[in-house]
């Protein structure tokens, strides 16, 4: 359809633009045929090239899905998740199974993984990283919104049909556990139980290259039979010192150019150890927030003093002071988070041992 449309409008290009036309085809995935025809015609008023047409169609689809409470990311542009080396390796293996060559050896594409752990530890970022590694789009949905909709069965069926039309893709359930609060009772009229059964059946029977990533804080909220349908459960914990160092650098280089030289840090190892000790109980989200607030305050301070430097400069003391402006969730919600962390042995660790130069040596309790 796209090729014929472009042929009828020579200004957009011809068959020689096969790569660009493939972009339009991908943008049209998941849309009904009649809607595709209408949106392609409408694009002529705004697009003069095939590339612009692909962007117009994609924007239309993103806005349409957003109106249905869904988030669609055609190409995930996210940095690597600092410190999650074992999870990163597992995602690379999954990505390799998308290759048609894997089928020659009887290898099937896996169903998905559960990312479990305290809030703010990088689970949502990891879902987008999965899409980036596999080179596929990501469709984010809210299970709680589907369960609470006026027509939950229809909403779930339409979502699964859309996911199949978009495949290969990542289907991402954020805070998956929150939608299962009443699955083991009739508090919601049995809706949660009925829908989880339909999702379970679909996961078991569908043959599409769809990888499900579900993030949870409380694994025990999910039905056991649903948990078994996932290939892996990873526990994403608070970062160790080596991971924290990576996370700091990922955020610092966004605002402070002096940290963009990976081979040379502006701070000594002893200064880094002081900072890492101060932030030991913080989540990656809290570290990112602290670095951002530091950048904002430094920018404001320079403007008040009438300075207009070529680049922002941050000191160790700036970040240390910022650390004591907030209480880490590990301290604020200690009981709840410890209850989550105490069950970590039921899952694979997303991070390997700290082998960095900042690792804390193990101490023997008995000499």
Protein backbone atom coordinates (compact mmCIF):
# COMPACT_ATOMS: atom_id res chain seq x y z
CA UNK A 1 0.00 0.00 0.00
CA UNK A 2 2.77 2.45 0.94
CA UNK A 3 4.76 1.68 -2.23
CA UNK A 4 1.72 2.27 -4.45
CA UNK A 5 0.91 5.49 -2.61
CA UNK A 6 4.46 6.80 -3.13
CA UNK A 7 4.34 5.79 -6.81
CA UNK A 8 1.14 7.84 -7.24
CA UNK A 9 2.90 10.85 -5.73
CA UNK A 10 6.33 11.08 -7.45
CA UNK A 11 7.43 13.98 -5.25
CA UNK A 12 7.64 11.60 -2.29
CA UNK A 13 10.04 9.24 -4.02
CA UNK A 14 9.84 5.94 -5.86
CA UNK A 15 10.90 2.34 -5.37
CA UNK A 16 14.49 3.47 -4.97
CA UNK A 17 13.48 4.83 -1.55
CA UNK A 18 12.83 1.36 -0.17
CA UNK A 19 14.55 2.02 3.14
CA UNK A 20 12.51 5.16 3.80
CA UNK A 21 9.32 3.45 2.66
CA UNK A 22 10.05 0.67 5.16
CA UNK A 23 10.04 3.36 7.86
CA UNK A 24 6.54 4.38 6.79
CA UNK A 25 5.41 0.74 6.85
CA UNK A 26 6.71 0.39 10.41
CA UNK A 27 4.94 3.60 11.40
CA UNK A 28 1.68 2.21 9.99
CA UNK A 29 1.89 -1.05 11.95
CA UNK A 30 -1.05 -1.46 14.30
CA UNK A 31 -3.35 0.92 12.39
CA UNK A 32 -6.47 -0.28 10.49
CA UNK A 33 -6.16 -0.26 6.70
CA UNK A 34 -8.83 2.41 6.21
CA UNK A 35 -7.14 4.66 8.76
CA UNK A 36 -3.78 4.17 7.05
CA UNK A 37 -5.22 5.33 3.74
CA UNK A 38 -6.73 8.43 5.36
CA UNK A 39 -3.61 9.38 7.29
CA UNK A 40 -1.37 8.93 4.23
CA UNK A 41 -3.61 11.27 2.24
CA UNK A 42 -3.65 13.76 5.09
CA UNK A 43 0.15 13.64 5.33
CA UNK A 44 0.44 15.21 1.85
CA UNK A 45 -0.50 18.58 3.34
CA UNK A 46 2.44 18.45 5.75
CA UNK A 47 5.04 16.14 4.21
CA UNK A 48 7.14 16.71 1.11
CA UNK A 49 9.36 13.64 1.53
CA UNK A 50 8.88 10.00 2.51
CA UNK A 51 10.86 10.65 5.70
CA UNK A 52 8.50 13.48 6.73
CA UNK A 53 5.52 11.27 5.93
CA UNK A 54 6.87 8.52 8.20
CA UNK A 55 7.22 11.05 11.02
CA UNK A 56 3.68 12.35 10.45
CA UNK A 57 2.18 8.86 10.57
CA UNK A 58 4.19 7.94 13.65
CA UNK A 59 3.11 11.12 15.46
CA UNK A 60 -0.50 10.28 14.62
CA UNK A 61 -0.13 6.79 16.05
CA UNK A 62 1.62 7.99 19.22
CA UNK A 63 -1.14 10.55 19.88
CA UNK A 64 -3.84 7.98 19.20
CA UNK A 65 -2.34 5.47 21.63
CA UNK A 66 -1.77 8.17 24.24
CA UNK A 67 -5.47 8.93 24.06
CA UNK A 68 -6.12 5.30 24.99
CA UNK A 69 -3.81 5.52 28.01
CA UNK A 70 -0.89 3.81 26.26
CA UNK A 71 2.66 5.00 25.68
CA UNK A 72 4.35 4.07 22.42
CA UNK A 73 8.10 4.51 21.92
CA UNK A 74 9.18 3.74 18.38
CA UNK A 75 12.90 3.92 19.13
CA UNK A 76 14.05 3.88 22.73
CA UNK A 77 16.88 6.39 23.16
CA UNK A 78 18.10 5.72 26.69
CA UNK A 79 21.55 5.40 28.28
CA UNK A 80 22.78 2.08 29.60
CA UNK A 81 21.51 1.23 33.07
CA UNK A 82 24.55 1.65 35.28
CA UNK A 83 25.58 -1.39 37.31
CA UNK A 84 22.97 -3.84 35.97
CA UNK A 85 25.53 -5.99 34.17
CA UNK A 86 23.83 -9.38 34.58
CA UNK A 87 20.49 -8.02 33.41
CA UNK A 88 22.21 -6.32 30.48
CA UNK A 89 23.82 -9.61 29.46
CA UNK A 90 20.48 -11.43 29.65
CA UNK A 91 18.81 -8.81 27.44
CA UNK A 92 21.58 -9.22 24.86
CA UNK A 93 20.86 -12.96 24.75
CA UNK A 94 17.13 -12.33 24.29
CA UNK A 95 17.88 -9.86 21.48
CA UNK A 96 19.94 -12.52 19.67
CA UNK A 97 16.91 -14.86 19.66
CA UNK A 98 15.00 -12.36 17.49
CA UNK A 99 17.20 -13.40 14.58
CA UNK A 100 15.52 -15.72 12.03
CA UNK A 101 18.61 -17.91 12.32
CA UNK A 102 17.57 -18.89 15.86
CA UNK A 103 14.54 -20.70 14.43
CA UNK A 104 16.83 -22.98 12.40
CA UNK A 105 18.05 -24.47 15.66
CA UNK A 106 14.58 -24.89 17.13
CA UNK A 107 15.05 -21.96 19.51
CA UNK A 108 11.84 -20.16 20.48
CA UNK A 109 11.59 -16.51 21.38
CA UNK A 110 11.07 -16.17 25.17
CA UNK A 111 7.86 -14.78 26.68
CA UNK A 112 9.31 -12.17 29.00
CA UNK A 113 10.82 -11.20 32.34
CA UNK A 114 9.75 -9.72 35.66
CA UNK A 115 11.88 -6.93 37.11
CA UNK A 116 11.35 -6.92 40.87
CA UNK A 117 12.73 -4.59 43.50
CA UNK A 118 12.32 -1.39 45.53
CA UNK A 119 11.01 1.74 43.78
CA UNK A 120 13.55 3.95 42.00
CA UNK A 121 16.16 1.27 41.31
CA UNK A 122 16.06 1.47 37.51
CA UNK A 123 13.40 -1.08 36.58
CA UNK A 124 11.52 1.24 34.19
CA UNK A 125 14.76 2.34 32.52
CA UNK A 126 15.66 -1.32 32.04
CA UNK A 127 12.41 -1.96 30.16
CA UNK A 128 13.31 0.79 27.68
CA UNK A 129 16.85 -0.55 27.50
CA UNK A 130 15.39 -3.91 26.46
CA UNK A 131 13.62 -2.24 23.53
CA UNK A 132 16.82 -0.44 22.57
CA UNK A 133 18.91 -3.62 22.62
CA UNK A 134 16.37 -5.54 20.54
CA UNK A 135 15.81 -2.68 18.12
CA UNK A 136 12.03 -2.91 18.51
CA UNK A 137 9.32 -0.46 19.65
CA UNK A 138 7.95 -0.43 23.18
CA UNK A 139 4.26 -0.34 24.08
CA UNK A 140 3.65 0.61 27.72
CA UNK A 141 0.32 -0.27 29.32
CA UNK A 142 -1.21 0.02 32.79
CA UNK A 143 -2.84 -3.18 34.06
CA UNK A 144 -4.71 -1.29 36.76
CA UNK A 145 -6.29 1.01 34.17
CA UNK A 146 -7.46 -1.97 32.12
CA UNK A 147 -8.96 -3.70 35.17
CA UNK A 148 -10.68 -0.47 36.21
CA UNK A 149 -12.04 0.44 32.77
CA UNK A 150 -15.75 0.30 31.94
CA UNK A 151 -15.16 -2.58 29.52
CA UNK A 152 -12.05 -4.37 30.83
CA UNK A 153 -12.37 -7.51 28.67
CA UNK A 154 -12.63 -5.44 25.51
CA UNK A 155 -9.74 -3.20 26.60
CA UNK A 156 -7.47 -6.20 27.18
CA UNK A 157 -8.44 -7.87 23.90
CA UNK A 158 -7.80 -4.68 21.91
CA UNK A 159 -4.44 -4.18 23.63
CA UNK A 160 -3.28 -7.71 22.86
CA UNK A 161 -4.44 -7.45 19.25
CA UNK A 162 -2.60 -4.14 18.90
CA UNK A 163 0.55 -5.65 20.43
CA UNK A 164 0.42 -8.49 17.92
CA UNK A 165 0.02 -6.02 15.06
CA UNK A 166 3.06 -4.07 16.27
CA UNK A 167 5.28 -7.13 16.74
CA UNK A 168 8.16 -7.55 17.07
CA UNK A 169 7.76 -5.36 20.13
CA UNK A 170 8.14 -5.02 23.88
CA UNK A 171 4.91 -5.02 25.90
CA UNK A 172 5.76 -3.17 29.09
CA UNK A 173 3.63 -3.40 32.24
CA UNK A 174 4.78 -0.80 34.79
CA UNK A 175 3.91 -1.41 38.48
CA UNK A 176 2.25 -4.64 37.35
CA UNK A 177 1.55 -5.75 40.93
CA UNK A 178 -0.70 -2.78 41.72
CA UNK A 179 -3.39 -4.08 39.39
CA UNK A 180 -3.66 -7.41 41.23
CA UNK A 181 -4.69 -6.16 44.66
CA UNK A 182 -8.04 -7.97 44.46
CA UNK A 183 -7.27 -10.91 42.17
CA UNK A 184 -7.65 -13.49 44.95
CA UNK A 185 -11.02 -12.20 46.12
CA UNK A 186 -14.26 -10.92 44.69
CA UNK A 187 -13.53 -7.35 45.77
CA UNK A 188 -13.64 -6.24 42.11
CA UNK A 189 -16.30 -8.68 41.05
CA UNK A 190 -13.72 -11.20 39.88
CA UNK A 191 -12.43 -8.93 37.11
CA UNK A 192 -8.75 -9.25 38.08
CA UNK A 193 -8.94 -13.05 38.22
CA UNK A 194 -10.78 -13.29 34.88
CA UNK A 195 -8.41 -10.95 33.06
CA UNK A 196 -5.29 -12.55 34.51
CA UNK A 197 -6.61 -15.88 33.20
CA UNK A 198 -7.03 -14.39 29.72
CA UNK A 199 -3.54 -12.87 29.81
CA UNK A 200 -2.16 -16.20 30.99
CA UNK A 201 -3.81 -18.05 28.10
CA UNK A 202 -2.58 -15.50 25.57
CA UNK A 203 1.00 -15.70 26.86
CA UNK A 204 0.88 -19.47 26.56
CA UNK A 205 -0.64 -19.66 23.09
CA UNK A 206 0.53 -16.69 21.00
CA UNK A 207 3.41 -17.23 18.57
CA UNK A 208 4.33 -13.59 17.95
CA UNK A 209 7.80 -12.11 18.67
CA UNK A 210 6.53 -10.17 21.68
CA UNK A 211 8.61 -9.79 24.82
CA UNK A 212 6.81 -8.80 28.01
CA UNK A 213 8.64 -6.78 30.65
CA UNK A 214 6.72 -6.37 33.90
CA UNK A 215 8.04 -4.29 36.79
CA UNK A 216 6.83 -5.03 40.32
CA UNK A 217 7.58 -3.94 43.86
CA UNK A 218 5.70 -6.81 45.54
CA UNK A 219 6.08 -10.08 43.67
CA UNK A 220 3.66 -11.88 46.01
CA UNK A 221 0.76 -9.80 44.67
CA UNK A 222 0.89 -11.62 41.31
CA UNK A 223 -0.96 -14.91 40.75
CA UNK A 224 1.59 -17.77 41.01
CA UNK A 225 0.41 -19.30 37.73
CA UNK A 226 1.09 -15.99 35.96
CA UNK A 227 4.57 -15.69 37.46
CA UNK A 228 5.43 -19.11 36.04
CA UNK A 229 4.74 -17.90 32.50
CA UNK A 230 7.72 -15.54 32.65
CA UNK A 231 11.13 -16.91 31.71
CA UNK A 232 13.12 -14.86 34.21
CA UNK A 233 12.69 -12.90 37.42
CA UNK A 234 15.43 -10.38 38.13
CA UNK A 235 15.83 -8.56 41.42
CA UNK A 236 16.95 -4.95 40.92
CA UNK A 237 18.42 -3.82 44.23
CA UNK A 238 20.14 -0.70 45.55
CA UNK A 239 23.42 -0.23 43.66
CA UNK A 240 26.79 -1.23 45.08
CA UNK A 241 29.67 1.25 45.07
CA UNK A 242 30.91 0.38 41.58
CA UNK A 243 27.40 0.68 40.13
CA UNK A 244 26.83 3.95 42.00
CA UNK A 245 30.01 5.34 40.44
CA UNK A 246 28.67 4.46 36.97
CA UNK A 247 25.27 5.99 37.76
CA UNK A 248 26.82 9.24 38.99
CA UNK A 249 28.89 9.57 35.82
CA UNK A 250 25.87 8.89 33.59
CA UNK A 251 24.04 11.82 35.19
CA UNK A 252 26.99 14.17 35.75
CA UNK A 253 28.01 14.17 32.09
CA UNK A 254 24.53 15.41 31.12
CA UNK A 255 25.19 18.77 32.77
CA UNK A 256 28.93 19.05 33.42
CA UNK A 257 31.25 18.64 30.38
CA UNK A 258 34.32 17.90 32.54
CA UNK A 259 32.81 14.46 33.26
CA UNK A 260 32.44 13.51 29.59
CA UNK A 261 36.03 12.27 29.34
CA UNK A 262 35.62 8.65 30.38
CA UNK A 263 39.37 8.11 30.79
CA UNK A 264 39.98 10.95 33.26
CA UNK A 265 37.80 12.01 36.19
CA UNK A 266 38.12 15.51 37.68
CA UNK A 267 38.00 13.94 41.16
CA UNK A 268 40.42 11.62 42.89
CA UNK A 269 39.41 8.11 43.98
CA UNK A 270 39.47 9.23 47.60
CA UNK A 271 37.02 12.04 46.80
CA UNK A 272 34.78 9.58 44.98
CA UNK A 273 34.82 7.24 47.97
CA UNK A 274 33.60 10.09 50.20
CA UNK A 275 30.72 10.81 47.82
CA UNK A 276 29.79 7.15 47.37
CA UNK A 277 29.74 6.69 51.13
CA UNK A 278 27.35 9.65 51.52
CA UNK A 279 24.95 8.23 48.91
CA UNK A 280 25.24 4.59 49.99
CA UNK A 281 21.52 4.14 50.82
CA UNK A 282 20.22 6.07 47.79
CA UNK A 283 18.44 4.69 44.74
CA UNK A 284 19.56 5.53 41.17
CA UNK A 285 16.50 7.77 40.85
CA UNK A 286 17.54 9.72 43.95
CA UNK A 287 21.09 10.09 42.62
CA UNK A 288 19.80 11.40 39.28
CA UNK A 289 17.49 13.83 41.05
CA UNK A 290 20.32 15.09 43.28
CA UNK A 291 22.63 15.72 40.31
CA UNK A 292 19.88 17.57 38.42
CA UNK A 293 19.10 19.79 41.42
CA UNK A 294 22.80 20.55 41.82
CA UNK A 295 22.98 21.67 38.19
CA UNK A 296 19.93 23.91 38.66
CA UNK A 297 21.33 25.50 41.81
CA UNK A 298 24.76 26.08 40.26
CA UNK A 299 23.14 27.70 37.22
CA UNK A 300 21.03 29.93 39.47
CA UNK A 301 24.01 30.82 41.66
CA UNK A 302 26.07 31.84 38.64
CA UNK A 303 23.26 34.05 37.33
CA UNK A 304 22.80 35.80 40.70
CA UNK A 305 26.53 36.51 40.81
CA UNK A 306 26.43 37.88 37.26
CA UNK A 307 28.53 35.04 35.86
CA UNK A 308 28.05 33.54 32.42
CA UNK A 309 30.57 30.68 32.27
CA UNK A 310 30.99 28.57 29.16
CA UNK A 311 30.01 25.50 31.17
CA UNK A 312 28.67 24.57 34.59
CA UNK A 313 31.15 23.39 37.22
CA UNK A 314 30.21 21.14 40.13
CA UNK A 315 32.23 20.44 43.25
CA UNK A 316 32.25 17.46 45.56
CA UNK A 317 30.87 19.70 48.29
CA UNK A 318 27.92 20.72 46.08
CA UNK A 319 26.79 17.11 45.83
CA UNK A 320 27.49 16.36 49.48
CA UNK A 321 25.34 19.29 50.53
CA UNK A 322 22.59 18.18 48.16
CA UNK A 323 22.61 14.72 49.72
CA UNK A 324 21.52 16.13 53.08
CA UNK A 325 18.59 17.99 51.56
CA UNK A 326 16.53 14.78 51.35
CA UNK A 327 15.89 11.52 53.20
CA UNK A 328 16.52 8.42 51.09
CA UNK A 329 13.53 6.14 50.64
CA UNK A 330 15.58 3.35 52.23
CA UNK A 331 15.49 5.30 55.47
CA UNK A 332 12.05 6.84 55.05
CA UNK A 333 10.31 3.56 54.15
CA UNK A 334 12.82 1.23 55.77
CA UNK A 335 10.37 -1.43 56.95
CA UNK A 336 8.61 -1.82 53.59
CA UNK A 337 11.84 -1.84 51.56
CA UNK A 338 13.57 -4.32 53.86
CA UNK A 339 10.56 -6.61 53.48
CA UNK A 340 11.13 -6.50 49.69
CA UNK A 341 14.91 -6.94 49.89
CA UNK A 342 14.67 -9.85 52.33
CA UNK A 343 13.02 -11.94 49.60
CA UNK A 344 15.64 -11.19 46.94
CA UNK A 345 16.93 -14.77 47.02
CA UNK A 346 13.82 -15.87 45.10
CA UNK A 347 15.10 -14.11 41.97
CA UNK A 348 18.24 -13.70 39.88
CA UNK A 349 20.35 -10.70 40.75
CA UNK A 350 20.42 -7.97 38.11
CA UNK A 351 23.92 -6.98 39.23
CA UNK A 352 27.07 -9.04 39.61
CA UNK A 353 29.57 -8.67 42.47
CA UNK A 354 31.28 -5.30 42.78
CA UNK A 355 34.70 -5.76 41.17
CA UNK A 356 35.42 -2.05 40.84
CA UNK A 357 38.20 -0.22 42.65
CA UNK A 358 35.50 1.25 44.93
CA UNK A 359 34.23 -2.09 46.22
CA UNK A 360 34.01 -2.48 49.98
CA UNK A 361 36.13 -5.43 51.11
CA UNK A 362 34.33 -8.15 53.04
CA UNK A 363 35.18 -8.23 56.71
CA UNK A 364 35.49 -11.42 58.70
CA UNK A 365 33.31 -11.54 61.79
CA UNK A 366 35.60 -13.96 63.56
CA UNK A 367 39.33 -13.78 63.39
